[in-house]
Amino acid sequence: MSDKKVRAEILVDGIVQGVGFRWYVTKHARQLGLKGFTKNLYTGEVLTVVEGPEYKVKELFKKIKIGPSHAYVKNANIKFSEPSNEFSDFEVRY
């Protein structure tokens, strides 16, 4: 388990808009103490950018791959990079 701080971009597609997906991500990210944002994309996908300890980011990714009860996650991809420390909270962006 790594405490190393990372940044991750998570892109999810499937039935992920209009089903409470962003609020589900926000709830779990805040519970884990992560910072960043989640937002719908015009392509029908949901983008989440998150920073925090690597093991917590991976835990959020596991939850994102499941999604809320009315969602269907077809694909979920994660890309890691160096954290920018630009976030003070986790929020839904529009």
PDB file of N, CA and C in Angstrom:
ATOM      1  N   MET A   1       0.856  -1.180   0.000  1.00  0.00           N
ATOM      2  CA  MET A   1       0.000   0.000   0.000  1.00  0.00           C
ATOM      3  C   MET A   1       0.897   1.237   0.000  1.00  0.00           C
ATOM      4  N   SER A   2       0.696   2.078  -1.020  1.00  0.00           N
ATOM      5  CA  SER A   2       1.571   3.235  -1.175  1.00  0.00           C
ATOM      6  C   SER A   2       0.880   4.524  -0.716  1.00  0.00           C
ATOM      7  N   ASP A   3       1.584   5.291   0.115  1.00  0.00           N
ATOM      8  CA  ASP A   3       1.089   6.598   0.532  1.00  0.00           C
ATOM      9  C   ASP A   3       1.500   7.690  -0.451  1.00  0.00           C
ATOM     10  N   LYS A   4       2.260   7.316  -1.479  1.00  0.00           N
ATOM     11  CA  LYS A   4       2.730   8.277  -2.473  1.00  0.00           C
ATOM     12  C   LYS A   4       1.533   9.031  -3.055  1.00  0.00           C
ATOM     13  N   LYS A   5       1.645  10.358  -3.124  1.00  0.00           N
ATOM     14  CA  LYS A   5       0.557  11.164  -3.665  1.00  0.00           C
ATOM     15  C   LYS A   5       0.614  11.140  -5.194  1.00  0.00           C
ATOM     16  N   VAL A   6      -0.551  10.915  -5.806  1.00  0.00           N
ATOM     17  CA  VAL A   6      -0.651  10.845  -7.265  1.00  0.00           C
ATOM     18  C   VAL A   6      -1.838  11.665  -7.755  1.00  0.00           C
ATOM     19  N   ARG A   7      -1.837  11.891  -9.043  1.00  0.00           N
ATOM     20  CA  ARG A   7      -2.969  12.489  -9.752  1.00  0.00           C
ATOM     21  C   ARG A   7      -3.456  11.423 -10.723  1.00  0.00           C
ATOM     22  N   ALA A   8      -4.763  11.309 -10.876  1.00  0.00           N
ATOM     23  CA  ALA A   8      -5.312  10.354 -11.828  1.00  0.00           C
ATOM     24  C   ALA A   8      -6.437  11.004 -12.613  1.00  0.00           C
ATOM     25  N   GLU A   9      -6.475  10.680 -13.896  1.00  0.00           N
ATOM     26  CA  GLU A   9      -7.604  11.049 -14.751  1.00  0.00           C
ATOM     27  C   GLU A   9      -8.346   9.755 -15.043  1.00  0.00           C
ATOM     28  N   ILE A  10      -9.611   9.735 -14.672  1.00  0.00           N
ATOM     29  CA  ILE A  10     -10.438   8.544 -14.848  1.00  0.00           C
ATOM     30  C   ILE A  10     -11.555   8.889 -15.824  1.00  0.00           C
ATOM     31  N   LEU A  11     -11.650   8.112 -16.893  1.00  0.00           N
ATOM     32  CA  LEU A  11     -12.670   8.329 -17.919  1.00  0.00           C
ATOM     33  C   LEU A  11     -13.566   7.099 -17.954  1.00  0.00           C
ATOM     34  N   VAL A  12     -14.870   7.330 -17.831  1.00  0.00           N
ATOM     35  CA  VAL A  12     -15.830   6.242 -17.752  1.00  0.00           C
ATOM     36  C   VAL A  12     -16.889   6.436 -18.821  1.00  0.00           C
ATOM     37  N   ASP A  13     -17.245   5.335 -19.499  1.00  0.00           N
ATOM     38  CA  ASP A  13     -18.390   5.427 -20.406  1.00  0.00           C
ATOM     39  C   ASP A  13     -19.334   4.259 -20.167  1.00  0.00           C
ATOM     40  N   GLY A  14     -20.519   4.372 -20.751  1.00  0.00           N
ATOM     41  CA  GLY A  14     -21.613   3.439 -20.519  1.00  0.00           C
ATOM     42  C   GLY A  14     -22.846   4.269 -20.205  1.00  0.00           C
ATOM     43  N   ILE A  15     -23.682   3.764 -19.314  1.00  0.00           N
ATOM     44  CA  ILE A  15     -24.845   4.544 -18.860  1.00  0.00           C
ATOM     45  C   ILE A  15     -24.393   5.234 -17.583  1.00  0.00           C
ATOM     46  N   VAL A  16     -23.798   6.419 -17.757  1.00  0.00           N
ATOM     47  CA  VAL A  16     -23.169   7.111 -16.631  1.00  0.00           C
ATOM     48  C   VAL A  16     -23.622   8.568 -16.492  1.00  0.00           C
ATOM     49  N   GLN A  17     -24.565   8.989 -17.316  1.00  0.00           N
ATOM     50  CA  GLN A  17     -25.109  10.343 -17.172  1.00  0.00           C
ATOM     51  C   GLN A  17     -26.599  10.226 -16.889  1.00  0.00           C
ATOM     52  N   GLY A  18     -27.076  11.072 -15.972  1.00  0.00           N
ATOM     53  CA  GLY A  18     -28.494  11.064 -15.612  1.00  0.00           C
ATOM     54  C   GLY A  18     -28.856   9.965 -14.629  1.00  0.00           C
ATOM     55  N   VAL A  19     -27.851   9.355 -13.981  1.00  0.00           N
ATOM     56  CA  VAL A  19     -28.108   8.258 -13.048  1.00  0.00           C
ATOM     57  C   VAL A  19     -27.457   8.502 -11.676  1.00  0.00           C
ATOM     58  N   GLY A  20     -27.058   9.738 -11.411  1.00  0.00           N
ATOM     59  CA  GLY A  20     -26.442  10.070 -10.128  1.00  0.00           C
ATOM     60  C   GLY A  20     -24.971   9.689 -10.034  1.00  0.00           C
ATOM     61  N   PHE A  21     -24.332   9.476 -11.172  1.00  0.00           N
ATOM     62  CA  PHE A  21     -22.949   9.008 -11.171  1.00  0.00           C
ATOM     63  C   PHE A  21     -21.979  10.013 -10.554  1.00  0.00           C
ATOM     64  N   ARG A  22     -22.096  11.286 -10.944  1.00  0.00           N
ATOM     65  CA  ARG A  22     -21.170  12.296 -10.413  1.00  0.00           C
ATOM     66  C   ARG A  22     -21.321  12.458  -8.907  1.00  0.00           C
ATOM     67  N   TRP A  23     -22.536  12.363  -8.399  1.00  0.00           N
ATOM     68  CA  TRP A  23     -22.758  12.499  -6.954  1.00  0.00           C
ATOM     69  C   TRP A  23     -22.220  11.276  -6.219  1.00  0.00           C
ATOM     70  N   TYR A  24     -22.328  10.101  -6.848  1.00  0.00           N
ATOM     71  CA  TYR A  24     -21.758   8.875  -6.290  1.00  0.00           C
ATOM     72  C   TYR A  24     -20.235   9.011  -6.175  1.00  0.00           C
ATOM     73  N   VAL A  25     -19.593   9.499  -7.236  1.00  0.00           N
ATOM     74  CA  VAL A  25     -18.140   9.691  -7.239  1.00  0.00           C
ATOM     75  C   VAL A  25     -17.746  10.707  -6.170  1.00  0.00           C
ATOM     76  N   THR A  26     -18.479  11.817  -6.106  1.00  0.00           N
ATOM     77  CA  THR A  26     -18.183  12.871  -5.139  1.00  0.00           C
ATOM     78  C   THR A  26     -18.281  12.348  -3.712  1.00  0.00           C
ATOM     79  N   LYS A  27     -19.332  11.602  -3.409  1.00  0.00           N
ATOM     80  CA  LYS A  27     -19.516  11.052  -2.062  1.00  0.00           C
ATOM     81  C   LYS A  27     -18.323  10.168  -1.674  1.00  0.00           C
ATOM     82  N   HIS A  28     -17.937   9.263  -2.554  1.00  0.00           N
ATOM     83  CA  HIS A  28     -16.840   8.338  -2.232  1.00  0.00           C
ATOM     84  C   HIS A  28     -15.486   9.047  -2.186  1.00  0.00           C
ATOM     85  N   ALA A  29     -15.268  10.005  -3.072  1.00  0.00           N
ATOM     86  CA  ALA A  29     -14.001  10.749  -3.064  1.00  0.00           C
ATOM     87  C   ALA A  29     -13.861  11.532  -1.765  1.00  0.00           C
ATOM     88  N   ARG A  30     -14.937  12.168  -1.328  1.00  0.00           N
ATOM     89  CA  ARG A  30     -14.889  12.939  -0.075  1.00  0.00           C
ATOM     90  C   ARG A  30     -14.691  12.022   1.126  1.00  0.00           C
ATOM     91  N   GLN A  31     -15.332  10.855   1.130  1.00  0.00           N
ATOM     92  CA  GLN A  31     -15.149   9.895   2.222  1.00  0.00           C
ATOM     93  C   GLN A  31     -13.688   9.454   2.319  1.00  0.00           C
ATOM     94  N   LEU A  32     -13.023   9.340   1.168  1.00  0.00           N
ATOM     95  CA  LEU A  32     -11.625   8.927   1.133  1.00  0.00           C
ATOM     96  C   LEU A  32     -10.661  10.092   1.372  1.00  0.00           C
ATOM     97  N   GLY A  33     -11.191  11.323   1.442  1.00  0.00           N
ATOM     98  CA  GLY A  33     -10.351  12.493   1.674  1.00  0.00           C
ATOM     99  C   GLY A  33      -9.574  12.932   0.445  1.00  0.00           C
ATOM    100  N   LEU A  34     -10.112  12.611  -0.741  1.00  0.00           N
ATOM    101  CA  LEU A  34      -9.436  12.965  -1.997  1.00  0.00           C
ATOM    102  C   LEU A  34      -9.879  14.339  -2.473  1.00  0.00           C
ATOM    103  N   LYS A  35      -9.092  14.917  -3.345  1.00  0.00           N
ATOM    104  CA  LYS A  35      -9.382  16.248  -3.897  1.00  0.00           C
ATOM    105  C   LYS A  35      -9.434  16.158  -5.421  1.00  0.00           C
ATOM    106  N   GLY A  36     -10.262  17.028  -6.035  1.00  0.00           N
ATOM    107  CA  GLY A  36     -10.367  17.044  -7.490  1.00  0.00           C
ATOM    108  C   GLY A  36     -11.778  17.389  -7.919  1.00  0.00           C
ATOM    109  N   PHE A  37     -12.194  16.806  -9.054  1.00  0.00           N
ATOM    110  CA  PHE A  37     -13.536  17.085  -9.580  1.00  0.00           C
ATOM    111  C   PHE A  37     -14.001  15.950 -10.471  1.00  0.00           C
ATOM    112  N   THR A  38     -15.301  15.946 -10.737  1.00  0.00           N
ATOM    113  CA  THR A  38     -15.904  15.035 -11.691  1.00  0.00           C
ATOM    114  C   THR A  38     -16.875  15.846 -12.537  1.00  0.00           C
ATOM    115  N   LYS A  39     -16.999  15.499 -13.810  1.00  0.00           N
ATOM    116  CA  LYS A  39     -17.929  16.233 -14.675  1.00  0.00           C
ATOM    117  C   LYS A  39     -18.363  15.380 -15.858  1.00  0.00           C
ATOM    118  N   ASN A  40     -19.562  15.695 -16.369  1.00  0.00           N
ATOM    119  CA  ASN A  40     -20.052  15.063 -17.588  1.00  0.00           C
ATOM    120  C   ASN A  40     -19.345  15.673 -18.787  1.00  0.00           C
ATOM    121  N   LEU A  41     -19.071  14.852 -19.786  1.00  0.00           N
ATOM    122  CA  LEU A  41     -18.525  15.331 -21.046  1.00  0.00           C
ATOM    123  C   LEU A  41     -19.606  15.250 -22.118  1.00  0.00           C
ATOM    124  N   TYR A  42     -19.504  16.071 -23.138  1.00  0.00           N
ATOM    125  CA  TYR A  42     -20.507  16.093 -24.202  1.00  0.00           C
ATOM    126  C   TYR A  42     -20.554  14.763 -24.954  1.00  0.00           C
ATOM    127  N   THR A  43     -19.526  13.937 -24.830  1.00  0.00           N
ATOM    128  CA  THR A  43     -19.451  12.631 -25.492  1.00  0.00           C
ATOM    129  C   THR A  43     -20.303  11.572 -24.792  1.00  0.00           C
ATOM    130  N   GLY A  44     -20.863  11.923 -23.614  1.00  0.00           N
ATOM    131  CA  GLY A  44     -21.644  10.963 -22.844  1.00  0.00           C
ATOM    132  C   GLY A  44     -20.819  10.285 -21.760  1.00  0.00           C
ATOM    133  N   GLU A  45     -19.532  10.593 -21.708  1.00  0.00           N
ATOM    134  CA  GLU A  45     -18.647  10.012 -20.710  1.00  0.00           C
ATOM    135  C   GLU A  45     -18.615  10.896 -19.466  1.00  0.00           C
ATOM    136  N   VAL A  46     -18.035  10.354 -18.393  1.00  0.00           N
ATOM    137  CA  VAL A  46     -17.794  11.132 -17.180  1.00  0.00           C
ATOM    138  C   VAL A  46     -16.287  11.135 -16.936  1.00  0.00           C
ATOM    139  N   LEU A  47     -15.749  12.338 -16.714  1.00  0.00           N
ATOM    140  CA  LEU A  47     -14.330  12.515 -16.413  1.00  0.00           C
ATOM    141  C   LEU A  47     -14.190  12.844 -14.935  1.00  0.00           C
ATOM    142  N   THR A  48     -13.268  12.143 -14.277  1.00  0.00           N
ATOM    143  CA  THR A  48     -12.926  12.448 -12.887  1.00  0.00           C
ATOM    144  C   THR A  48     -11.431  12.699 -12.824  1.00  0.00           C
ATOM    145  N   VAL A  49     -11.049  13.825 -12.257  1.00  0.00           N
ATOM    146  CA  VAL A  49      -9.639  14.141 -12.010  1.00  0.00           C
ATOM    147  C   VAL A  49      -9.486  14.186 -10.504  1.00  0.00           C
ATOM    148  N   VAL A  50      -8.572  13.383  -9.984  1.00  0.00           N
ATOM    149  CA  VAL A  50      -8.475  13.216  -8.537  1.00  0.00           C
ATOM    150  C   VAL A  50      -7.015  13.170  -8.098  1.00  0.00           C
ATOM    151  N   GLU A  51      -6.744  13.715  -6.909  1.00  0.00           N
ATOM    152  CA  GLU A  51      -5.404  13.676  -6.331  1.00  0.00           C
ATOM    153  C   GLU A  51      -5.482  13.203  -4.890  1.00  0.00           C
ATOM    154  N   GLY A  52      -4.473  12.430  -4.503  1.00  0.00           N
ATOM    155  CA  GLY A  52      -4.388  11.935  -3.140  1.00  0.00           C
ATOM    156  C   GLY A  52      -3.459  10.750  -3.075  1.00  0.00           C
ATOM    157  N   PRO A  53      -3.408  10.085  -1.921  1.00  0.00           N
ATOM    158  CA  PRO A  53      -2.551   8.900  -1.797  1.00  0.00           C
ATOM    159  C   PRO A  53      -2.949   7.827  -2.828  1.00  0.00           C
ATOM    160  N   GLU A  54      -1.952   7.201  -3.408  1.00  0.00           N
ATOM    161  CA  GLU A  54      -2.193   6.238  -4.488  1.00  0.00           C
ATOM    162  C   GLU A  54      -3.199   5.155  -4.100  1.00  0.00           C
ATOM    163  N   TYR A  55      -3.071   4.602  -2.888  1.00  0.00           N
ATOM    164  CA  TYR A  55      -3.983   3.513  -2.507  1.00  0.00           C
ATOM    165  C   TYR A  55      -5.429   3.996  -2.396  1.00  0.00           C
ATOM    166  N   LYS A  56      -5.638   5.266  -2.000  1.00  0.00           N
ATOM    167  CA  LYS A  56      -6.999   5.810  -1.912  1.00  0.00           C
ATOM    168  C   LYS A  56      -7.564   6.090  -3.302  1.00  0.00           C
ATOM    169  N   VAL A  57      -6.722   6.570  -4.219  1.00  0.00           N
ATOM    170  CA  VAL A  57      -7.159   6.804  -5.602  1.00  0.00           C
ATOM    171  C   VAL A  57      -7.571   5.469  -6.231  1.00  0.00           C
ATOM    172  N   LYS A  58      -6.798   4.425  -5.972  1.00  0.00           N
ATOM    173  CA  LYS A  58      -7.133   3.092  -6.514  1.00  0.00           C
ATOM    174  C   LYS A  58      -8.431   2.566  -5.905  1.00  0.00           C
ATOM    175  N   GLU A  59      -8.672   2.867  -4.645  1.00  0.00           N
ATOM    176  CA  GLU A  59      -9.927   2.472  -3.987  1.00  0.00           C
ATOM    177  C   GLU A  59     -11.110   3.182  -4.642  1.00  0.00           C
ATOM    178  N   LEU A  60     -10.960   4.485  -4.933  1.00  0.00           N
ATOM    179  CA  LEU A  60     -12.014   5.221  -5.634  1.00  0.00           C
ATOM    180  C   LEU A  60     -12.249   4.624  -7.016  1.00  0.00           C
ATOM    181  N   PHE A  61     -11.175   4.271  -7.715  1.00  0.00           N
ATOM    182  CA  PHE A  61     -11.310   3.684  -9.056  1.00  0.00           C
ATOM    183  C   PHE A  61     -12.121   2.393  -8.995  1.00  0.00           C
ATOM    184  N   LYS A  62     -11.906   1.577  -7.976  1.00  0.00           N
ATOM    185  CA  LYS A  62     -12.692   0.337  -7.820  1.00  0.00           C
ATOM    186  C   LYS A  62     -14.172   0.670  -7.693  1.00  0.00           C
ATOM    187  N   LYS A  63     -14.487   1.692  -6.895  1.00  0.00           N
ATOM    188  CA  LYS A  63     -15.887   2.084  -6.702  1.00  0.00           C
ATOM    189  C   LYS A  63     -16.478   2.665  -7.986  1.00  0.00           C
ATOM    190  N   ILE A  64     -15.682   3.440  -8.725  1.00  0.00           N
ATOM    191  CA  ILE A  64     -16.147   4.023  -9.988  1.00  0.00           C
ATOM    192  C   ILE A  64     -16.478   2.921 -10.994  1.00  0.00           C
ATOM    193  N   LYS A  65     -15.682   1.865 -11.027  1.00  0.00           N
ATOM    194  CA  LYS A  65     -15.931   0.761 -11.968  1.00  0.00           C
ATOM    195  C   LYS A  65     -17.249   0.052 -11.673  1.00  0.00           C
ATOM    196  N   ILE A  66     -17.725   0.151 -10.437  1.00  0.00           N
ATOM    197  CA  ILE A  66     -19.018  -0.444 -10.063  1.00  0.00           C
ATOM    198  C   ILE A  66     -20.141   0.545 -10.358  1.00  0.00           C
ATOM    199  N   GLY A  67     -19.995   1.783  -9.882  1.00  0.00           N
ATOM    200  CA  GLY A  67     -20.993   2.836 -10.116  1.00  0.00           C
ATOM    201  C   GLY A  67     -22.223   2.670  -9.251  1.00  0.00           C
ATOM    202  N   PRO A  68     -23.096   3.685  -9.270  1.00  0.00           N
ATOM    203  CA  PRO A  68     -24.345   3.602  -8.515  1.00  0.00           C
ATOM    204  C   PRO A  68     -25.292   2.579  -9.154  1.00  0.00           C
ATOM    205  N   SER A  69     -26.369   2.254  -8.459  1.00  0.00           N
ATOM    206  CA  SER A  69     -27.244   1.153  -8.884  1.00  0.00           C
ATOM    207  C   SER A  69     -27.862   1.321 -10.275  1.00  0.00           C
ATOM    208  N   HIS A  70     -28.155   2.535 -10.726  1.00  0.00           N
ATOM    209  CA  HIS A  70     -28.799   2.718 -12.031  1.00  0.00           C
ATOM    210  C   HIS A  70     -27.801   2.932 -13.170  1.00  0.00           C
ATOM    211  N   ALA A  71     -26.522   2.907 -12.855  1.00  0.00           N
ATOM    212  CA  ALA A  71     -25.490   3.107 -13.880  1.00  0.00           C
ATOM    213  C   ALA A  71     -25.049   1.762 -14.455  1.00  0.00           C
ATOM    214  N   TYR A  72     -24.483   1.831 -15.663  1.00  0.00           N
ATOM    215  CA  TYR A  72     -23.830   0.670 -16.265  1.00  0.00           C
ATOM    216  C   TYR A  72     -22.479   1.168 -16.770  1.00  0.00           C
ATOM    217  N   VAL A  73     -21.403   0.721 -16.150  1.00  0.00           N
ATOM    218  CA  VAL A  73     -20.061   1.130 -16.547  1.00  0.00           C
ATOM    219  C   VAL A  73     -19.545   0.138 -17.588  1.00  0.00           C
ATOM    220  N   LYS A  74     -19.431   0.613 -18.817  1.00  0.00           N
ATOM    221  CA  LYS A  74     -18.936  -0.232 -19.913  1.00  0.00           C
ATOM    222  C   LYS A  74     -17.410  -0.268 -19.904  1.00  0.00           C
ATOM    223  N   ASN A  75     -16.791   0.907 -19.820  1.00  0.00           N
ATOM    224  CA  ASN A  75     -15.331   1.028 -19.784  1.00  0.00           C
ATOM    225  C   ASN A  75     -14.931   2.053 -18.741  1.00  0.00           C
ATOM    226  N   ALA A  76     -13.822   1.773 -18.052  1.00  0.00           N
ATOM    227  CA  ALA A  76     -13.253   2.716 -17.096  1.00  0.00           C
ATOM    228  C   ALA A  76     -11.741   2.674 -17.269  1.00  0.00           C
ATOM    229  N   ASN A  77     -11.158   3.814 -17.588  1.00  0.00           N
ATOM    230  CA  ASN A  77      -9.714   3.895 -17.803  1.00  0.00           C
ATOM    231  C   ASN A  77      -9.117   4.896 -16.824  1.00  0.00           C
ATOM    232  N   ILE A  78      -7.904   4.586 -16.368  1.00  0.00           N
ATOM    233  CA  ILE A  78      -7.228   5.464 -15.415  1.00  0.00           C
ATOM    234  C   ILE A  78      -5.822   5.745 -15.919  1.00  0.00           C
ATOM    235  N   LYS A  79      -5.421   7.025 -15.838  1.00  0.00           N
ATOM    236  CA  LYS A  79      -4.058   7.449 -16.202  1.00  0.00           C
ATOM    237  C   LYS A  79      -3.476   8.198 -15.016  1.00  0.00           C
ATOM    238  N   PHE A  80      -2.308   7.761 -14.577  1.00  0.00           N
ATOM    239  CA  PHE A  80      -1.648   8.399 -13.437  1.00  0.00           C
ATOM    240  C   PHE A  80      -0.617   9.419 -13.911  1.00  0.00           C
ATOM    241  N   SER A  81      -0.436  10.462 -13.105  1.00  0.00           N
ATOM    242  CA  SER A  81       0.608  11.453 -13.362  1.00  0.00           C
ATOM    243  C   SER A  81       0.999  12.089 -12.025  1.00  0.00           C
ATOM    244  N   GLU A  82       1.867  13.078 -12.100  1.00  0.00           N
ATOM    245  CA  GLU A  82       2.305  13.780 -10.890  1.00  0.00           C
ATOM    246  C   GLU A  82       1.205  14.731 -10.418  1.00  0.00           C
ATOM    247  N   PRO A  83       0.985  14.842  -9.106  1.00  0.00           N
ATOM    248  CA  PRO A  83      -0.046  15.750  -8.603  1.00  0.00           C
ATOM    249  C   PRO A  83       0.345  17.214  -8.802  1.00  0.00           C
ATOM    250  N   SER A  84      -0.675  18.047  -9.024  1.00  0.00           N
ATOM    251  CA  SER A  84      -0.443  19.482  -9.211  1.00  0.00           C
ATOM    252  C   SER A  84      -0.774  20.270  -7.943  1.00  0.00           C
ATOM    253  N   ASN A  85      -1.457  19.621  -7.011  1.00  0.00           N
ATOM    254  CA  ASN A  85      -1.895  20.271  -5.759  1.00  0.00           C
ATOM    255  C   ASN A  85      -2.748  21.517  -6.006  1.00  0.00           C
ATOM    256  N   GLU A  86      -3.523  21.499  -7.079  1.00  0.00           N
ATOM    257  CA  GLU A  86      -4.351  22.661  -7.416  1.00  0.00           C
ATOM    258  C   GLU A  86      -5.731  22.624  -6.758  1.00  0.00           C
ATOM    259  N   PHE A  87      -6.107  21.512  -6.133  1.00  0.00           N
ATOM    260  CA  PHE A  87      -7.458  21.368  -5.599  1.00  0.00           C
ATOM    261  C   PHE A  87      -7.477  21.511  -4.085  1.00  0.00           C
ATOM    262  N   SER A  88      -8.548  22.116  -3.573  1.00  0.00           N
ATOM    263  CA  SER A  88      -8.698  22.241  -2.128  1.00  0.00           C
ATOM    264  C   SER A  88      -9.844  21.369  -1.615  1.00  0.00           C
ATOM    265  N   ASP A  89     -10.616  20.782  -2.523  1.00  0.00           N
ATOM    266  CA  ASP A  89     -11.822  20.046  -2.181  1.00  0.00           C
ATOM    267  C   ASP A  89     -12.115  19.079  -3.323  1.00  0.00           C
ATOM    268  N   PHE A  90     -13.212  18.344  -3.217  1.00  0.00           N
ATOM    269  CA  PHE A  90     -13.692  17.534  -4.353  1.00  0.00           C
ATOM    270  C   PHE A  90     -15.063  18.074  -4.724  1.00  0.00           C
ATOM    271  N   GLU A  91     -15.277  18.321  -6.014  1.00  0.00           N
ATOM    272  CA  GLU A  91     -16.521  18.976  -6.445  1.00  0.00           C
ATOM    273  C   GLU A  91     -17.020  18.406  -7.753  1.00  0.00           C
ATOM    274  N   VAL A  92     -18.302  18.687  -8.013  1.00  0.00           N
ATOM    275  CA  VAL A  92     -18.891  18.415  -9.313  1.00  0.00           C
ATOM    276  C   VAL A  92     -18.724  19.667 -10.145  1.00  0.00           C
ATOM    277  N   ARG A  93     -18.205  19.511 -11.349  1.00  0.00           N
ATOM    278  CA  ARG A  93     -18.083  20.662 -12.266  1.00  0.00           C
ATOM    279  C   ARG A  93     -19.085  20.503 -13.393  1.00  0.00           C
ATOM    280  N   TYR A  94     -19.477  21.659 -13.931  1.00  0.00           N
ATOM    281  CA  TYR A  94     -20.482  21.665 -15.016  1.00  0.00           C
ATOM    282  C   TYR A  94     -19.897  22.276 -16.261  1.00  0.00           C
TER     283      TYR A  94
END
